[in-house]
């Protein structure tokens, strides 16, 4: 439903893939310049979140 109402132009037969956290392929990771393999492997405590948000 979201894709049907989104204003971004897409071909009606565009492929949609589901990517699960921790199973990202190398081509997918290349789309994100600052991909961090360790991001979700460290505990989410306040100090780690500050480092993440205020780099």
N, C-alpha and C. Protein backbone atom coordinates (compact mmCIF):
# COMPACT_ATOMS: atom_id res chain seq x y z
N UNK A 1 0.83 -1.19 0.00
CA UNK A 1 0.00 0.00 0.00
C UNK A 1 0.87 1.26 0.00
N UNK A 2 1.96 1.28 0.79
CA UNK A 2 2.84 2.44 0.83
C UNK A 2 3.38 2.76 -0.56
N UNK A 3 3.85 1.74 -1.25
CA UNK A 3 4.44 1.96 -2.57
C UNK A 3 3.43 2.51 -3.56
N UNK A 4 2.18 2.14 -3.40
CA UNK A 4 1.13 2.64 -4.30
C UNK A 4 0.87 4.12 -4.08
N UNK A 5 1.07 4.62 -2.86
CA UNK A 5 0.78 6.02 -2.56
C UNK A 5 2.03 6.91 -2.53
N UNK A 6 3.21 6.32 -2.62
CA UNK A 6 4.45 7.09 -2.59
C UNK A 6 4.58 7.92 -3.86
N UNK A 7 5.11 9.12 -3.74
CA UNK A 7 5.23 10.02 -4.90
C UNK A 7 6.44 9.72 -5.77
N UNK A 8 7.35 8.87 -5.31
CA UNK A 8 8.53 8.54 -6.09
C UNK A 8 8.12 7.68 -7.30
N UNK A 9 8.57 8.08 -8.51
CA UNK A 9 8.17 7.30 -9.69
C UNK A 9 8.84 5.92 -9.70
N UNK A 10 8.04 4.88 -9.88
CA UNK A 10 8.52 3.51 -9.97
C UNK A 10 7.74 2.78 -11.05
N UNK A 11 8.40 1.87 -11.70
CA UNK A 11 7.71 1.01 -12.65
C UNK A 11 6.79 0.09 -11.86
N UNK A 12 5.62 -0.18 -12.37
CA UNK A 12 4.65 -1.01 -11.64
C UNK A 12 5.15 -2.42 -11.40
N UNK A 13 6.10 -2.86 -12.20
CA UNK A 13 6.64 -4.21 -12.04
C UNK A 13 8.03 -4.20 -11.38
N UNK A 14 8.37 -3.11 -10.70
CA UNK A 14 9.67 -3.02 -10.03
C UNK A 14 9.78 -4.12 -8.98
N UNK A 15 10.96 -4.73 -8.90
CA UNK A 15 11.19 -5.80 -7.92
C UNK A 15 11.29 -5.21 -6.52
N UNK A 16 10.73 -5.92 -5.57
CA UNK A 16 10.80 -5.53 -4.16
C UNK A 16 11.45 -6.68 -3.42
N UNK A 17 12.51 -6.38 -2.68
CA UNK A 17 13.20 -7.41 -1.92
C UNK A 17 13.05 -7.14 -0.43
N UNK A 18 12.98 -8.21 0.34
CA UNK A 18 12.96 -8.11 1.79
C UNK A 18 14.36 -8.46 2.26
N UNK A 19 14.99 -7.55 2.99
CA UNK A 19 16.34 -7.76 3.50
C UNK A 19 16.25 -7.84 5.02
N UNK A 20 16.67 -8.95 5.58
CA UNK A 20 16.61 -9.11 7.04
C UNK A 20 17.90 -8.62 7.68
N UNK A 21 17.76 -8.01 8.86
CA UNK A 21 18.90 -7.50 9.61
C UNK A 21 19.89 -8.62 9.87
N UNK A 22 21.15 -8.36 9.54
CA UNK A 22 22.20 -9.34 9.74
C UNK A 22 22.43 -10.23 8.52
N UNK A 23 21.57 -10.12 7.52
CA UNK A 23 21.69 -10.95 6.31
C UNK A 23 21.85 -10.09 5.06
N UNK A 24 22.35 -8.87 5.22
CA UNK A 24 22.49 -7.94 4.10
C UNK A 24 23.59 -8.44 3.16
N UNK A 25 23.34 -8.36 1.88
CA UNK A 25 24.32 -8.79 0.88
C UNK A 25 25.33 -7.67 0.62
N UNK A 26 26.54 -8.02 0.13
CA UNK A 26 27.52 -6.99 -0.19
C UNK A 26 26.99 -5.92 -1.16
N UNK A 27 26.25 -6.28 -2.23
CA UNK A 27 25.72 -5.22 -3.10
C UNK A 27 24.78 -4.26 -2.36
N UNK A 28 23.98 -4.78 -1.44
CA UNK A 28 23.08 -3.93 -0.65
C UNK A 28 23.90 -2.98 0.23
N UNK A 29 24.93 -3.49 0.87
CA UNK A 29 25.77 -2.68 1.77
C UNK A 29 26.48 -1.56 1.02
N UNK A 30 26.81 -1.80 -0.25
CA UNK A 30 27.49 -0.78 -1.05
C UNK A 30 26.62 0.45 -1.29
N UNK A 31 25.31 0.32 -1.11
CA UNK A 31 24.41 1.45 -1.29
C UNK A 31 24.54 2.46 -0.14
N UNK A 32 25.17 2.06 0.94
CA UNK A 32 25.30 2.90 2.13
C UNK A 32 26.78 3.12 2.43
N UNK A 33 27.23 4.33 2.16
CA UNK A 33 28.65 4.67 2.23
C UNK A 33 29.28 4.35 3.59
N UNK A 34 28.57 4.62 4.67
CA UNK A 34 29.16 4.42 6.00
C UNK A 34 28.58 3.19 6.70
N UNK A 35 28.42 2.10 5.99
CA UNK A 35 27.86 0.87 6.57
C UNK A 35 28.74 0.42 7.74
N UNK A 36 28.13 0.13 8.86
CA UNK A 36 28.85 -0.29 10.05
C UNK A 36 28.40 -1.69 10.45
N UNK A 37 29.26 -2.67 10.24
CA UNK A 37 28.94 -4.07 10.56
C UNK A 37 28.65 -4.27 12.04
N UNK A 38 29.24 -3.43 12.89
CA UNK A 38 29.13 -3.61 14.34
C UNK A 38 27.95 -2.86 14.95
N UNK A 39 27.23 -2.09 14.17
CA UNK A 39 26.20 -1.19 14.70
C UNK A 39 25.21 -1.89 15.61
N UNK A 40 24.66 -3.00 15.20
CA UNK A 40 23.64 -3.67 16.01
C UNK A 40 24.19 -4.84 16.82
N UNK A 41 25.51 -4.97 16.84
CA UNK A 41 26.12 -6.04 17.64
C UNK A 41 26.57 -5.53 19.00
N UNK A 42 26.63 -4.20 19.17
CA UNK A 42 27.00 -3.63 20.47
C UNK A 42 25.73 -3.35 21.27
N UNK A 43 25.81 -3.44 22.59
CA UNK A 43 24.62 -3.17 23.42
C UNK A 43 24.11 -1.74 23.19
N UNK A 44 22.81 -1.58 23.25
CA UNK A 44 22.21 -0.25 23.04
C UNK A 44 22.05 0.47 24.37
N UNK A 45 23.16 0.83 24.96
CA UNK A 45 23.08 1.62 26.18
C UNK A 45 23.17 3.10 25.82
N UNK A 46 22.99 3.95 26.78
CA UNK A 46 22.95 5.40 26.53
C UNK A 46 24.26 5.89 25.91
N UNK A 47 25.38 5.43 26.41
CA UNK A 47 26.67 5.89 25.90
C UNK A 47 26.86 5.49 24.43
N UNK A 48 26.52 4.27 24.09
CA UNK A 48 26.65 3.84 22.69
C UNK A 48 25.70 4.60 21.78
N UNK A 49 24.50 4.90 22.24
CA UNK A 49 23.55 5.65 21.43
C UNK A 49 24.03 7.09 21.23
N UNK A 50 24.65 7.68 22.23
CA UNK A 50 25.21 9.04 22.07
C UNK A 50 26.30 9.04 21.00
N UNK A 51 27.16 8.03 21.04
CA UNK A 51 28.23 7.93 20.03
C UNK A 51 27.63 7.81 18.64
N UNK A 52 26.57 7.03 18.53
CA UNK A 52 25.92 6.82 17.25
C UNK A 52 25.26 8.10 16.74
N UNK A 53 24.55 8.80 17.61
CA UNK A 53 23.78 9.97 17.20
C UNK A 53 24.60 11.24 17.05
N UNK A 54 25.68 11.36 17.80
CA UNK A 54 26.44 12.62 17.82
C UNK A 54 27.86 12.44 17.32
N UNK A 55 28.05 11.69 16.25
CA UNK A 55 29.40 11.49 15.67
C UNK A 55 29.94 12.82 15.19
